[in-house]
Amino acid sequence: KVATQMRDPTPSPPPGWDELTPREQEILRLIATGASNREIANTLYISEKTVKNHVTHILSRLNVRDRTQAAILANSMLGNFSDN
């Protein structure tokens, strides 16, 4: 594994990233910018309740306690995956 990482310096996505739906990935990116549920809902033209449901799934799949941890994880790892 170390040899593979040395050959391919591109980091892996965070654990659980592949389990997120494209919409959840989009919401996680917005969480990382500091957007509130209401701001996310307005940006994506969905209800605030739908955002809350997505956030619950994101936290569970990434195995984090709260949106702050999710934002920290996203900011530290997703810069290289922002186009995925």
N, C-alpha and C. Protein backbone atom coordinates (compact mmCIF):
# COMPACT_ATOMS: atom_id res chain seq x y z
N LYS A 1 0.83 -1.19 0.00
CA LYS A 1 0.00 0.00 0.00
C LYS A 1 0.88 1.26 0.00
N VAL A 2 1.93 1.25 0.78
CA VAL A 2 2.83 2.41 0.83
C VAL A 2 3.46 2.64 -0.53
N ALA A 3 3.88 1.56 -1.19
CA ALA A 3 4.48 1.69 -2.52
C ALA A 3 3.47 2.28 -3.50
N THR A 4 2.22 1.87 -3.40
CA THR A 4 1.18 2.40 -4.27
C THR A 4 0.99 3.88 -4.01
N GLN A 5 0.97 4.30 -2.75
CA GLN A 5 0.80 5.70 -2.42
C GLN A 5 1.97 6.53 -2.92
N MET A 6 3.18 5.95 -2.90
CA MET A 6 4.35 6.68 -3.37
C MET A 6 4.29 6.87 -4.89
N ARG A 7 3.78 5.87 -5.59
CA ARG A 7 3.64 5.98 -7.04
C ARG A 7 2.50 6.91 -7.42
N ASP A 8 1.44 6.90 -6.64
CA ASP A 8 0.25 7.70 -6.93
C ASP A 8 0.01 8.64 -5.75
N PRO A 9 0.54 9.86 -5.82
CA PRO A 9 0.43 10.77 -4.67
C PRO A 9 -0.98 11.33 -4.46
N THR A 10 -1.93 11.05 -5.35
CA THR A 10 -3.29 11.53 -5.18
C THR A 10 -3.92 10.83 -3.99
N PRO A 11 -4.38 11.57 -2.99
CA PRO A 11 -4.96 10.94 -1.82
C PRO A 11 -6.29 10.28 -2.14
N SER A 12 -6.66 9.33 -1.32
CA SER A 12 -7.95 8.65 -1.47
C SER A 12 -9.04 9.55 -0.93
N PRO A 13 -10.26 9.37 -1.44
CA PRO A 13 -11.37 10.12 -0.86
C PRO A 13 -11.55 9.71 0.61
N PRO A 14 -12.21 10.55 1.40
CA PRO A 14 -12.41 10.20 2.79
C PRO A 14 -13.25 8.94 2.92
N PRO A 15 -13.07 8.18 4.01
CA PRO A 15 -13.88 6.99 4.22
C PRO A 15 -15.36 7.36 4.18
N GLY A 16 -16.14 6.58 3.47
CA GLY A 16 -17.57 6.84 3.36
C GLY A 16 -17.96 7.70 2.17
N TRP A 17 -16.97 8.37 1.55
CA TRP A 17 -17.27 9.26 0.42
C TRP A 17 -18.00 8.52 -0.70
N ASP A 18 -17.53 7.32 -1.03
CA ASP A 18 -18.14 6.57 -2.13
C ASP A 18 -19.55 6.11 -1.80
N GLU A 19 -19.90 6.09 -0.52
CA GLU A 19 -21.25 5.70 -0.12
C GLU A 19 -22.24 6.85 -0.26
N LEU A 20 -21.73 8.06 -0.36
CA LEU A 20 -22.61 9.23 -0.49
C LEU A 20 -23.17 9.31 -1.90
N THR A 21 -24.43 9.70 -1.98
CA THR A 21 -25.03 9.95 -3.29
C THR A 21 -24.44 11.24 -3.86
N PRO A 22 -24.57 11.45 -5.16
CA PRO A 22 -24.10 12.72 -5.72
C PRO A 22 -24.71 13.94 -5.02
N ARG A 23 -25.97 13.86 -4.66
CA ARG A 23 -26.64 14.97 -3.97
C ARG A 23 -26.02 15.18 -2.58
N GLU A 24 -25.75 14.08 -1.87
CA GLU A 24 -25.12 14.19 -0.55
C GLU A 24 -23.71 14.77 -0.66
N GLN A 25 -22.99 14.39 -1.70
CA GLN A 25 -21.66 14.96 -1.92
C GLN A 25 -21.77 16.46 -2.15
N GLU A 26 -22.77 16.87 -2.92
CA GLU A 26 -23.00 18.29 -3.19
C GLU A 26 -23.32 19.04 -1.89
N ILE A 27 -24.17 18.44 -1.07
CA ILE A 27 -24.53 19.06 0.20
C ILE A 27 -23.32 19.13 1.13
N LEU A 28 -22.50 18.09 1.15
CA LEU A 28 -21.30 18.10 1.98
C LEU A 28 -20.37 19.24 1.55
N ARG A 29 -20.22 19.45 0.26
CA ARG A 29 -19.39 20.56 -0.22
C ARG A 29 -19.93 21.91 0.29
N LEU A 30 -21.26 22.04 0.29
CA LEU A 30 -21.87 23.29 0.77
C LEU A 30 -21.71 23.43 2.28
N ILE A 31 -21.83 22.32 3.00
CA ILE A 31 -21.58 22.35 4.45
C ILE A 31 -20.16 22.84 4.70
N ALA A 32 -19.23 22.37 3.90
CA ALA A 32 -17.82 22.74 4.07
C ALA A 32 -17.59 24.24 3.85
N THR A 33 -18.47 24.88 3.10
CA THR A 33 -18.33 26.32 2.89
C THR A 33 -18.96 27.11 4.02
N GLY A 34 -19.62 26.40 4.94
CA GLY A 34 -20.27 27.07 6.06
C GLY A 34 -21.73 27.40 5.83
N ALA A 35 -22.31 26.87 4.76
CA ALA A 35 -23.71 27.15 4.46
C ALA A 35 -24.63 26.50 5.48
N SER A 36 -25.69 27.21 5.85
CA SER A 36 -26.70 26.68 6.76
C SER A 36 -27.65 25.77 5.97
N ASN A 37 -28.47 25.02 6.69
CA ASN A 37 -29.47 24.18 6.02
C ASN A 37 -30.37 25.02 5.14
N ARG A 38 -30.77 26.18 5.63
CA ARG A 38 -31.65 27.04 4.84
C ARG A 38 -30.95 27.52 3.57
N GLU A 39 -29.69 27.90 3.70
CA GLU A 39 -28.93 28.36 2.52
C GLU A 39 -28.75 27.22 1.52
N ILE A 40 -28.48 26.03 2.02
CA ILE A 40 -28.34 24.87 1.13
C ILE A 40 -29.65 24.60 0.42
N ALA A 41 -30.75 24.63 1.16
CA ALA A 41 -32.07 24.39 0.57
C ALA A 41 -32.36 25.41 -0.53
N ASN A 42 -32.07 26.67 -0.27
CA ASN A 42 -32.31 27.71 -1.28
C ASN A 42 -31.41 27.53 -2.49
N THR A 43 -30.17 27.16 -2.27
CA THR A 43 -29.22 26.97 -3.37
C THR A 43 -29.63 25.82 -4.27
N LEU A 44 -30.10 24.73 -3.65
CA LEU A 44 -30.42 23.51 -4.40
C LEU A 44 -31.90 23.38 -4.76
N TYR A 45 -32.70 24.37 -4.36
CA TYR A 45 -34.14 24.36 -4.64
C TYR A 45 -34.82 23.11 -4.08
N ILE A 46 -34.49 22.80 -2.82
CA ILE A 46 -35.12 21.70 -2.11
C ILE A 46 -35.56 22.22 -0.75
N SER A 47 -36.37 21.45 -0.04
CA SER A 47 -36.84 21.91 1.26
C SER A 47 -35.75 21.77 2.32
N GLU A 48 -35.90 22.56 3.37
CA GLU A 48 -34.95 22.49 4.48
C GLU A 48 -35.02 21.11 5.15
N LYS A 49 -36.19 20.52 5.21
CA LYS A 49 -36.36 19.18 5.78
C LYS A 49 -35.57 18.15 4.96
N THR A 50 -35.58 18.28 3.66
CA THR A 50 -34.81 17.37 2.80
C THR A 50 -33.33 17.53 3.07
N VAL A 51 -32.87 18.76 3.25
CA VAL A 51 -31.46 19.00 3.58
C VAL A 51 -31.13 18.31 4.89
N LYS A 52 -31.99 18.46 5.90
CA LYS A 52 -31.75 17.84 7.21
C LYS A 52 -31.63 16.32 7.07
N ASN A 53 -32.48 15.73 6.25
CA ASN A 53 -32.41 14.28 6.02
C ASN A 53 -31.08 13.90 5.38
N HIS A 54 -30.65 14.67 4.38
CA HIS A 54 -29.37 14.40 3.73
C HIS A 54 -28.21 14.55 4.72
N VAL A 55 -28.26 15.58 5.55
CA VAL A 55 -27.20 15.80 6.52
C VAL A 55 -27.12 14.62 7.49
N THR A 56 -28.25 14.12 7.93
CA THR A 56 -28.27 12.94 8.82
C THR A 56 -27.58 11.76 8.16
N HIS A 57 -27.89 11.53 6.88
CA HIS A 57 -27.26 10.42 6.15
C HIS A 57 -25.76 10.64 5.99
N ILE A 58 -25.37 11.87 5.69
CA ILE A 58 -23.95 12.20 5.52
C ILE A 58 -23.18 11.92 6.80
N LEU A 59 -23.70 12.40 7.92
CA LEU A 59 -23.02 12.20 9.20
C LEU A 59 -22.86 10.72 9.51
N SER A 60 -23.90 9.95 9.25
CA SER A 60 -23.86 8.51 9.51
C SER A 60 -22.84 7.82 8.60
N ARG A 61 -22.88 8.12 7.33
CA ARG A 61 -22.00 7.45 6.37
C ARG A 61 -20.54 7.83 6.54
N LEU A 62 -20.28 9.06 7.00
CA LEU A 62 -18.90 9.48 7.23
C LEU A 62 -18.43 9.18 8.65
N ASN A 63 -19.35 8.66 9.46
CA ASN A 63 -19.05 8.30 10.85
C ASN A 63 -18.50 9.50 11.63
N VAL A 64 -19.21 10.63 11.52
CA VAL A 64 -18.86 11.83 12.28
C VAL A 64 -20.05 12.22 13.14
N ARG A 65 -19.77 12.99 14.21
CA ARG A 65 -20.81 13.35 15.18
C ARG A 65 -21.68 14.51 14.74
N ASP A 66 -21.09 15.48 14.03
CA ASP A 66 -21.85 16.68 13.72
C ASP A 66 -21.35 17.31 12.42
N ARG A 67 -22.06 18.34 11.99
CA ARG A 67 -21.72 18.96 10.70
C ARG A 67 -20.37 19.67 10.76
N THR A 68 -19.94 20.08 11.95
CA THR A 68 -18.62 20.68 12.08
C THR A 68 -17.54 19.66 11.72
N GLN A 69 -17.66 18.46 12.25
CA GLN A 69 -16.70 17.41 11.89
C GLN A 69 -16.77 17.09 10.41
N ALA A 70 -17.98 17.06 9.87
CA ALA A 70 -18.14 16.80 8.43
C ALA A 70 -17.46 17.89 7.61
N ALA A 71 -17.62 19.14 8.04
CA ALA A 71 -17.00 20.26 7.32
C ALA A 71 -15.48 20.19 7.39
N ILE A 72 -14.96 19.84 8.57
CA ILE A 72 -13.51 19.71 8.72
C ILE A 72 -12.99 18.60 7.81
N LEU A 73 -13.69 17.47 7.81
CA LEU A 73 -13.29 16.36 6.95
C LEU A 73 -13.34 16.78 5.48
N ALA A 74 -14.41 17.43 5.10
CA ALA A 74 -14.56 17.85 3.71
C ALA A 74 -13.47 18.84 3.32
N ASN A 75 -13.22 19.82 4.17
CA ASN A 75 -12.20 20.83 3.85
C ASN A 75 -10.80 20.24 3.79
N SER A 76 -10.53 19.23 4.60
CA SER A 76 -9.19 18.65 4.60
C SER A 76 -8.98 17.66 3.47
N MET A 77 -10.05 17.04 3.00
CA MET A 77 -9.90 15.96 2.03
C MET A 77 -10.46 16.26 0.64
N LEU A 78 -11.48 17.07 0.55
CA LEU A 78 -12.21 17.17 -0.71
C LEU A 78 -11.64 18.15 -1.71
N GLY A 79 -10.67 18.92 -1.33
CA GLY A 79 -10.08 19.85 -2.28
C GLY A 79 -9.63 19.16 -3.55
N ASN A 80 -9.11 17.95 -3.42
CA ASN A 80 -8.65 17.19 -4.57
C ASN A 80 -9.78 16.47 -5.30
N PHE A 81 -10.98 16.47 -4.71
CA PHE A 81 -12.09 15.73 -5.31
C PHE A 81 -13.25 16.64 -5.67
N SER A 82 -13.00 17.94 -5.72
CA SER A 82 -14.10 18.89 -5.92
C SER A 82 -14.78 18.74 -7.27
N ASP A 83 -14.14 18.10 -8.21
CA ASP A 83 -14.75 17.91 -9.53
C ASP A 83 -15.44 16.56 -9.67
N ASN A 84 -15.36 15.71 -8.64
CA ASN A 84 -15.97 14.37 -8.71
C ASN A 84 -17.43 14.42 -8.39
